Amino acid sequence: MGALAKADPGQLAGCWSNLPALPDWQRLRAPETGMVMTRGRIGGDGRRFNLGEITITRCTVRIVDGTADGIAGHAYVMGRDKTHAERAAVLDALLQDPAWADRLEAVVIRPLLDAAAARRAAAARKAGATKVNFTTVTRGDD
């Protein structure tokens, strides 16, 4: 689910278009946008505090035909992209069906994970280029 939720909506749309005909689905909870409070920790592991609110969109669907009939899928994605949330929910449902899982892993999940790894590596290279090495200079006085 993390790969689907964190995916760039354009990349998810590209993977979606590479899929064969998908079974029909029914919206149990239509995509809706709201706010959630995010929390942080002082120093990464200290006391919790409210960091701020973020916009999310959620959706729940149920597959209504094919081998995955009756399986429900859920998605929460950051931002306001309702299509992204619905696609992620449909794929979540289909990933629970063994007949779809391997195909979706190859066509959708693996490419999204590879793209996320490439984005992280590019960000690390960009940050690494600005790294400053400090050395300690002593006066030599005793």
Protein backbone atom coordinates (compact mmCIF):
# COMPACT_ATOMS: atom_id res chain seq x y z
CA MET A 1 0.00 0.00 0.00
CA GLY A 2 2.87 2.35 0.71
CA ALA A 3 4.03 2.18 -2.90
CA LEU A 4 0.53 3.01 -4.14
CA ALA A 5 -0.15 5.77 -1.61
CA LYS A 6 3.22 7.49 -2.07
CA ALA A 7 3.34 7.09 -5.85
CA ASP A 8 3.42 10.08 -8.12
CA PRO A 9 -0.14 10.20 -9.55
CA GLY A 10 1.23 10.46 -13.09
CA GLN A 11 3.38 7.36 -12.66
CA LEU A 12 0.46 5.46 -11.16
CA ALA A 13 -1.68 6.49 -14.14
CA GLY A 14 1.03 5.19 -16.49
CA CYS A 15 1.15 1.83 -14.72
CA TRP A 16 -2.68 1.73 -14.65
CA SER A 17 -2.79 2.13 -18.43
CA ASN A 18 -0.47 -0.89 -18.84
CA LEU A 19 -2.92 -3.20 -17.07
CA PRO A 20 -5.28 -5.58 -18.87
CA ALA A 21 -9.01 -5.08 -18.51
CA LEU A 22 -9.81 -4.74 -14.82
CA PRO A 23 -12.89 -6.20 -13.17
CA ASP A 24 -15.71 -3.85 -12.25
CA TRP A 25 -15.79 -2.30 -8.81
CA GLN A 26 -18.30 -0.54 -6.62
CA ARG A 27 -17.49 2.46 -4.44
CA LEU A 28 -18.23 1.70 -0.81
CA ARG A 29 -16.81 5.08 0.20
CA ALA A 30 -16.42 7.51 -2.68
CA PRO A 31 -13.15 9.44 -2.73
CA GLU A 32 -13.36 12.22 -0.15
CA THR A 33 -10.82 14.78 0.95
CA GLY A 34 -10.16 15.82 4.53
CA MET A 35 -7.46 16.79 7.00
CA VAL A 36 -5.46 14.75 9.50
CA MET A 37 -3.11 15.91 12.23
CA THR A 38 0.45 14.72 11.83
CA ARG A 39 2.62 14.14 14.85
CA GLY A 40 6.33 14.42 15.36
CA ARG A 41 8.78 13.54 18.12
CA ILE A 42 11.33 15.83 19.67
CA GLY A 43 14.72 14.60 18.53
CA GLY A 44 13.07 11.80 16.58
CA ASP A 45 12.36 9.65 19.64
CA GLY A 46 11.36 12.06 22.42
CA ARG A 47 8.03 13.55 23.46
CA ARG A 48 5.32 13.68 20.81
CA PHE A 49 3.92 16.96 19.53
CA ASN A 50 1.40 18.01 16.89
CA LEU A 51 3.40 18.98 13.83
CA GLY A 52 0.51 20.22 11.68
CA GLU A 53 -2.35 19.15 9.46
CA ILE A 54 -2.07 17.57 6.03
CA THR A 55 -4.68 17.05 3.35
CA ILE A 56 -5.55 13.44 2.53
CA THR A 57 -8.04 11.72 0.25
CA ARG A 58 -9.51 8.33 1.11
CA CYS A 59 -11.53 5.80 -0.84
CA THR A 60 -12.94 2.29 -0.33
CA VAL A 61 -14.09 -0.01 -3.14
CA ARG A 62 -15.33 -3.58 -3.54
CA ILE A 63 -14.68 -5.73 -6.60
CA VAL A 64 -18.03 -6.87 -8.05
CA ASP A 65 -17.02 -9.37 -10.73
CA GLY A 66 -14.24 -11.74 -11.68
CA THR A 67 -12.11 -13.86 -9.39
CA ALA A 68 -11.76 -11.06 -6.82
CA ASP A 69 -15.53 -10.68 -6.38
CA GLY A 70 -16.38 -9.18 -2.98
CA ILE A 71 -12.83 -8.19 -1.99
CA ALA A 72 -12.61 -4.67 -0.53
CA GLY A 73 -9.73 -2.30 -1.05
CA HIS A 74 -8.89 0.85 0.90
CA ALA A 75 -6.60 3.79 0.19
CA TYR A 76 -5.46 6.96 1.92
CA VAL A 77 -3.26 9.27 -0.16
CA MET A 78 -1.77 12.65 0.62
CA GLY A 79 -3.31 15.52 -1.31
CA ARG A 80 -6.58 16.02 -3.12
CA ASP A 81 -6.25 13.63 -6.07
CA LYS A 82 -9.46 11.57 -5.97
CA THR A 83 -8.50 9.49 -9.02
CA HIS A 84 -5.24 8.52 -7.32
CA ALA A 85 -7.13 7.40 -4.19
CA GLU A 86 -9.65 5.35 -6.18
CA ARG A 87 -6.98 3.66 -8.31
CA ALA A 88 -4.97 2.81 -5.19
CA ALA A 89 -8.09 1.32 -3.54
CA VAL A 90 -8.89 -0.81 -6.60
CA LEU A 91 -5.31 -2.06 -6.77
CA ASP A 92 -5.34 -2.78 -3.03
CA ALA A 93 -8.39 -5.00 -3.54
CA LEU A 94 -6.88 -6.78 -6.53
CA LEU A 95 -3.57 -7.37 -4.74
CA GLN A 96 -5.50 -9.53 -2.27
CA ASP A 97 -6.48 -11.89 -5.08
CA PRO A 98 -3.76 -14.44 -5.93
CA ALA A 99 -4.84 -14.37 -9.59
CA TRP A 100 -3.87 -10.67 -9.78
CA ALA A 101 -1.12 -10.30 -7.18
CA ASP A 102 1.92 -11.41 -9.24
CA ARG A 103 0.86 -9.46 -12.31
CA LEU A 104 0.27 -6.27 -10.30
CA GLU A 105 3.58 -6.73 -8.49
CA ALA A 106 5.40 -6.78 -11.85
CA VAL A 107 3.41 -4.13 -13.73
CA VAL A 108 2.59 -1.65 -10.95
CA ILE A 109 4.31 -2.16 -7.59
CA ARG A 110 7.89 -2.91 -8.74
CA PRO A 111 8.03 0.06 -11.19
CA LEU A 112 6.63 2.40 -8.50
CA LEU A 113 9.17 1.18 -5.93
CA ASP A 114 12.01 1.55 -8.45
CA ALA A 115 10.89 5.11 -9.28
CA ALA A 116 10.72 5.98 -5.56
CA ALA A 117 14.24 4.59 -5.03
CA ALA A 118 15.51 6.65 -7.97
CA ARG A 119 13.91 9.81 -6.50
CA ARG A 120 15.53 9.12 -3.11
CA ALA A 121 18.93 8.52 -4.72
CA ALA A 122 18.67 11.75 -6.72
CA ALA A 123 17.75 13.70 -3.58
CA ALA A 124 20.67 12.12 -1.70
CA ARG A 125 23.07 13.05 -4.53
CA LYS A 126 21.76 16.61 -4.54
CA ALA A 127 22.11 16.89 -0.76
CA GLY A 128 25.54 15.26 -0.88
CA ALA A 129 26.77 17.92 -3.28
CA THR A 130 26.17 20.56 -0.60
CA LYS A 131 27.91 18.65 2.18
CA VAL A 132 30.54 20.62 4.09
CA ASN A 133 33.33 18.82 5.95
CA PHE A 134 34.50 20.65 9.05
CA THR A 135 37.86 20.00 10.66
CA THR A 136 38.94 21.05 14.11
CA VAL A 137 41.94 23.29 14.27
CA THR A 138 43.80 23.56 17.55
CA ARG A 139 46.19 26.35 18.49
CA GLY A 140 48.77 24.08 19.96
CA ASP A 141 48.82 25.83 23.37
CA ASP A 142 49.24 23.57 26.35
